[in-house]
Protein backbone atom coordinates (compact mmCIF):
# COMPACT_ATOMS: atom_id res chain seq x y z
CA LEU A 1 148.92 84.72 87.91
CA ASP A 2 145.75 82.78 86.51
CA LEU A 3 144.17 84.28 83.54
CA LYS A 4 140.94 85.07 85.67
CA GLY A 5 143.09 86.92 88.55
CA LYS A 6 145.02 88.73 85.31
CA TYR A 7 141.96 90.07 83.83
CA ALA A 8 140.48 91.16 87.16
CA ALA A 9 143.88 92.84 87.96
CA ALA A 10 144.11 94.60 84.48
CA THR A 11 140.33 95.93 84.35
CA GLU A 12 138.11 97.91 86.54
CA SER A 13 135.42 95.57 85.50
CA ASN A 14 133.95 92.63 87.88
CA ALA A 15 133.03 90.36 84.64
CA HIS A 16 135.90 88.10 85.79
CA ASN A 17 133.37 86.92 88.47
CA PHE A 18 131.30 85.25 85.61
CA ILE A 19 133.89 83.06 84.44
CA VAL A 20 133.05 79.47 85.07
CA LEU A 21 134.94 76.39 83.73
CA ASP A 22 132.90 73.48 83.14
CA ASP A 23 131.08 71.87 80.25
CA ASN A 24 128.23 74.28 80.31
CA HIS A 25 129.97 77.40 80.19
CA TYR A 26 132.62 78.76 77.53
CA SER A 27 134.87 81.77 78.23
CA ILE A 28 137.66 83.29 76.34
CA ILE A 29 139.91 86.05 77.37
CA ALA A 30 141.40 87.96 74.31
CA MET A 31 144.99 89.06 74.82
CA LYS A 32 147.38 91.36 73.23
CA SER A 33 150.77 90.40 73.89
CA ASP A 34 150.38 89.59 77.55
CA GLU A 35 147.65 91.97 78.23
CA PRO A 36 143.96 90.94 78.69
CA ILE A 37 141.69 93.18 76.11
CA GLY A 38 138.57 91.33 76.05
CA LEU A 39 136.08 88.96 77.68
CA ILE A 40 133.09 86.70 76.56
CA VAL A 41 131.51 84.22 78.82
CA ALA A 42 128.51 82.40 77.53
CA LYS A 43 126.66 79.38 79.12
CA LYS A 44 124.58 76.48 77.74
CA ARG A 45 121.13 76.24 78.81
CA ALA A 46 117.57 74.82 78.24
CA LEU A 47 114.46 76.71 77.87
CA PRO A 48 111.76 76.34 80.36
CA ASP A 49 108.99 74.14 79.79
CA PRO A 50 107.39 73.58 77.37
CA LEU A 51 110.37 74.31 75.45
CA SER A 52 112.74 72.30 77.61
CA ASP A 53 114.16 70.41 74.71
CA VAL A 54 115.50 73.58 72.93
CA VAL A 55 119.09 74.34 73.94
CA GLU A 56 120.40 77.87 73.77
CA VAL A 57 123.51 79.62 74.35
CA PHE A 58 123.40 82.80 76.58
CA ILE A 59 125.87 85.37 76.69
CA ASP A 60 126.49 86.34 79.95
CA VAL A 61 129.14 89.16 79.60
CA ILE A 62 131.19 90.54 76.24
CA GLU A 63 133.22 93.35 76.82
CA VAL A 64 136.42 94.79 75.17
CA ASP A 65 138.57 97.40 76.41
CA GLN A 66 137.61 100.53 75.09
CA GLN A 67 140.94 101.27 73.34
CA TYR A 68 140.40 98.22 71.25
CA GLN A 69 136.60 98.70 70.60
CA ARG A 70 135.33 98.84 66.85
CA ARG A 71 138.58 96.82 66.05
CA GLY A 72 136.86 93.40 65.64
CA VAL A 73 137.89 92.11 69.11
CA GLY A 74 134.06 91.50 70.10
CA THR A 75 133.07 89.99 66.63
CA GLU A 76 136.15 87.50 66.91
CA LEU A 77 134.95 86.58 70.43
CA MET A 78 131.58 86.05 69.07
CA ARG A 79 132.60 83.83 66.33
CA HIS A 80 134.30 81.49 68.73
CA VAL A 81 131.23 81.32 70.81
CA ASN A 82 128.85 80.65 67.40
CA GLU A 83 131.04 77.96 66.62
CA TRP A 84 130.76 76.45 70.29
CA ALA A 85 127.09 76.91 70.03
CA VAL A 86 126.94 74.74 66.77
CA GLN A 87 129.22 72.36 68.14
CA ILE A 88 126.86 71.93 71.03
CA GLU A 89 123.74 71.99 68.57
CA ALA A 90 122.30 74.67 70.27
CA SER A 91 119.41 76.16 68.60
CA GLN A 92 120.07 79.91 69.08
CA VAL A 93 122.45 82.26 70.81
CA ARG A 94 120.96 85.01 72.88
CA ALA A 95 122.21 87.93 74.90
CA TRP A 96 120.69 91.17 76.76
CA SER A 97 121.96 94.71 76.09
CA GLU A 98 120.73 98.01 77.36
CA GLU A 99 120.31 101.08 75.17
CA ILE A 100 123.57 102.86 76.59
CA ARG A 101 125.58 100.10 74.90
CA THR A 102 125.43 101.46 71.57
CA ASP A 103 128.50 99.70 70.02
CA ALA A 104 127.33 96.34 71.48
CA LEU A 105 124.03 96.98 69.63
CA LEU A 106 125.57 98.00 66.54
CA MET A 107 127.87 94.82 66.77
CA TRP A 108 124.83 92.61 67.17
CA ARG A 109 123.06 94.24 64.22
CA LYS A 110 125.90 93.57 62.12
CA MET A 111 126.16 89.83 63.17
CA GLY A 112 122.64 89.34 62.18
CA PHE A 113 120.67 89.21 65.59
CA THR A 114 117.29 89.98 65.99
CA PHE A 115 116.20 92.35 68.75
CA SER A 116 113.10 92.33 71.18
CA THR A 117 112.67 95.61 73.33
CA LEU A 118 111.83 95.57 77.11
CA THR A 119 111.14 98.93 78.73
CA PHE A 120 112.25 99.37 82.31
CA LYS A 121 112.89 101.76 85.12
CA GLN A 122 116.07 102.61 86.66
CA GLU A 123 116.07 105.37 89.55
CA GLU A 124 112.92 106.77 88.13
CA THR A 125 114.33 107.12 84.49
CA LYS A 126 112.78 105.02 81.52
CA ARG A 127 115.17 103.05 79.99
CA HIS A 128 115.16 100.44 77.30
CA GLY A 129 116.85 96.94 77.09
CA PHE A 130 117.13 94.53 74.17
CA TYR A 131 117.16 91.07 74.00
CA VAL A 132 119.10 89.84 71.06
CA ALA A 133 118.90 86.65 69.35
CA ARG A 134 120.32 84.57 66.57
CA THR A 135 119.03 81.44 65.12
CA LEU A 136 121.63 78.72 64.24
CA PRO A 137 121.52 76.21 61.36
């Protein structure tokens, strides 16, 4: 099995569908022994005009198996993405997270990301989402 297929078989998530292998994407699967326990998928992209000369890295997916959360796996995955972002000379790393993803929001905060709130409705319930961003040197 390829790692993408192995990740799909080991989790109930559809995150493996976001894995793209080309120069504009960066994907890592965290493994413990021979089992996948986490995944991060990020992409390089330019901002729209008038800022089309600004390149960012946007994280499409970051997830860690529940039994391995709060053990540094997500932080380590983020470290690799940050290194890639610096290497490709991106000006920032950005992502989206919802209020129900408390552990992710705490990780973003711990890593020095800033937050911008967006309120939306889902099935007539008012919810909050957060764009998170961290500028790079």
